[in-house]
Amino acid sequence: MSLDDSTAGLSKMSIDISKAFIRKLSTQGEKFTTEKFRTLKVTY
């Protein structure tokens, strides 16, 4: 785990997965507002 380094380990993996997920939904027309990002952050 790399708690202090967001460019390695599980931190990088979770960031990469989140980016891919958001990109895929965006290509399908999903609109991401500040509220949606806030909800995602609290949920996960």
N, C-alpha and C. Protein backbone atom coordinates (compact mmCIF):
# COMPACT_ATOMS: atom_id res chain seq x y z
N MET A 1 0.83 -1.18 0.00
CA MET A 1 0.00 0.00 0.00
C MET A 1 0.87 1.23 0.00
N SER A 2 0.37 2.27 -0.62
CA SER A 2 1.11 3.52 -0.68
C SER A 2 0.19 4.65 -0.22
N LEU A 3 0.08 4.80 1.06
CA LEU A 3 -0.83 5.81 1.60
C LEU A 3 -0.38 7.22 1.29
N ASP A 4 0.93 7.44 1.23
CA ASP A 4 1.45 8.78 1.00
C ASP A 4 1.76 9.07 -0.46
N ASP A 5 1.74 8.05 -1.31
CA ASP A 5 2.13 8.21 -2.70
C ASP A 5 0.97 7.80 -3.60
N SER A 6 0.34 8.78 -4.24
CA SER A 6 -0.81 8.48 -5.09
C SER A 6 -0.40 7.97 -6.46
N THR A 7 0.90 7.81 -6.70
CA THR A 7 1.36 7.32 -7.99
C THR A 7 1.80 5.86 -7.93
N ALA A 8 1.50 5.17 -6.83
CA ALA A 8 1.93 3.78 -6.71
C ALA A 8 0.91 2.97 -5.92
N GLY A 9 0.97 1.67 -6.12
CA GLY A 9 0.17 0.74 -5.32
C GLY A 9 -1.33 0.86 -5.49
N LEU A 10 -2.03 0.59 -4.41
CA LEU A 10 -3.49 0.60 -4.42
C LEU A 10 -4.07 1.98 -4.70
N SER A 11 -3.36 3.02 -4.28
CA SER A 11 -3.84 4.38 -4.55
C SER A 11 -3.91 4.63 -6.06
N LYS A 12 -2.86 4.27 -6.77
CA LYS A 12 -2.83 4.45 -8.22
C LYS A 12 -3.90 3.59 -8.88
N MET A 13 -4.03 2.36 -8.43
CA MET A 13 -5.03 1.46 -9.01
C MET A 13 -6.44 2.02 -8.84
N SER A 14 -6.76 2.52 -7.66
CA SER A 14 -8.11 3.04 -7.43
C SER A 14 -8.36 4.31 -8.25
N ILE A 15 -7.34 5.14 -8.41
CA ILE A 15 -7.47 6.35 -9.23
C ILE A 15 -7.69 5.96 -10.69
N ASP A 16 -6.92 5.00 -11.19
CA ASP A 16 -7.06 4.55 -12.57
C ASP A 16 -8.44 3.96 -12.84
N ILE A 17 -8.94 3.16 -11.92
CA ILE A 17 -10.27 2.55 -12.07
C ILE A 17 -11.34 3.64 -12.06
N SER A 18 -11.22 4.60 -11.16
CA SER A 18 -12.19 5.69 -11.08
C SER A 18 -12.22 6.50 -12.37
N LYS A 19 -11.05 6.82 -12.89
CA LYS A 19 -10.96 7.59 -14.14
C LYS A 19 -11.61 6.83 -15.29
N ALA A 20 -11.33 5.53 -15.40
CA ALA A 20 -11.90 4.72 -16.47
C ALA A 20 -13.42 4.66 -16.34
N PHE A 21 -13.91 4.49 -15.12
CA PHE A 21 -15.35 4.42 -14.87
C PHE A 21 -16.04 5.73 -15.27
N ILE A 22 -15.47 6.85 -14.86
CA ILE A 22 -16.05 8.16 -15.17
C ILE A 22 -15.99 8.44 -16.67
N ARG A 23 -14.88 8.10 -17.30
CA ARG A 23 -14.77 8.29 -18.76
C ARG A 23 -15.82 7.48 -19.51
N LYS A 24 -15.99 6.23 -19.11
CA LYS A 24 -16.97 5.37 -19.78
C LYS A 24 -18.38 5.91 -19.64
N LEU A 25 -18.75 6.32 -18.44
CA LEU A 25 -20.08 6.89 -18.23
C LEU A 25 -20.25 8.20 -19.00
N SER A 26 -19.19 9.00 -19.08
CA SER A 26 -19.25 10.26 -19.82
C SER A 26 -19.49 10.03 -21.31
N THR A 27 -18.84 9.01 -21.86
CA THR A 27 -19.04 8.72 -23.28
C THR A 27 -20.46 8.25 -23.57
N GLN A 28 -21.14 7.76 -22.54
CA GLN A 28 -22.51 7.31 -22.70
C GLN A 28 -23.51 8.42 -22.38
N GLY A 29 -23.01 9.65 -22.16
CA GLY A 29 -23.90 10.78 -21.98
C GLY A 29 -24.18 11.18 -20.54
N GLU A 30 -23.58 10.52 -19.59
CA GLU A 30 -23.80 10.86 -18.18
C GLU A 30 -23.16 12.20 -17.87
N LYS A 31 -23.87 13.06 -17.18
CA LYS A 31 -23.35 14.36 -16.78
C LYS A 31 -22.88 14.28 -15.33
N PHE A 32 -21.67 14.75 -15.10
CA PHE A 32 -21.11 14.71 -13.75
C PHE A 32 -21.08 16.11 -13.16
N THR A 33 -21.86 16.29 -12.12
CA THR A 33 -21.92 17.56 -11.42
C THR A 33 -21.11 17.44 -10.13
N THR A 34 -20.92 18.55 -9.48
CA THR A 34 -20.22 18.56 -8.20
C THR A 34 -20.92 17.66 -7.20
N GLU A 35 -22.23 17.66 -7.22
CA GLU A 35 -23.00 16.84 -6.29
C GLU A 35 -22.77 15.35 -6.54
N LYS A 36 -22.69 14.96 -7.81
CA LYS A 36 -22.45 13.55 -8.12
C LYS A 36 -21.07 13.10 -7.65
N PHE A 37 -20.07 13.96 -7.87
CA PHE A 37 -18.73 13.62 -7.40
C PHE A 37 -18.69 13.53 -5.88
N ARG A 38 -19.40 14.42 -5.22
CA ARG A 38 -19.46 14.40 -3.76
C ARG A 38 -20.11 13.11 -3.28
N THR A 39 -21.19 12.70 -3.93
CA THR A 39 -21.88 11.47 -3.57
C THR A 39 -20.98 10.26 -3.78
N LEU A 40 -20.28 10.21 -4.91
CA LEU A 40 -19.34 9.11 -5.16
C LEU A 40 -18.25 9.05 -4.11
N LYS A 41 -17.73 10.21 -3.74
CA LYS A 41 -16.66 10.25 -2.74
C LYS A 41 -17.15 9.73 -1.39
N VAL A 42 -18.34 10.13 -0.99
CA VAL A 42 -18.88 9.69 0.30
C VAL A 42 -19.23 8.20 0.27
N THR A 43 -19.75 7.74 -0.87
CA THR A 43 -20.17 6.35 -0.99
C THR A 43 -18.98 5.40 -1.01
N TYR A 44 -17.93 5.78 -1.72
CA TYR A 44 -16.80 4.87 -1.87
C TYR A 44 -15.58 5.37 -1.17
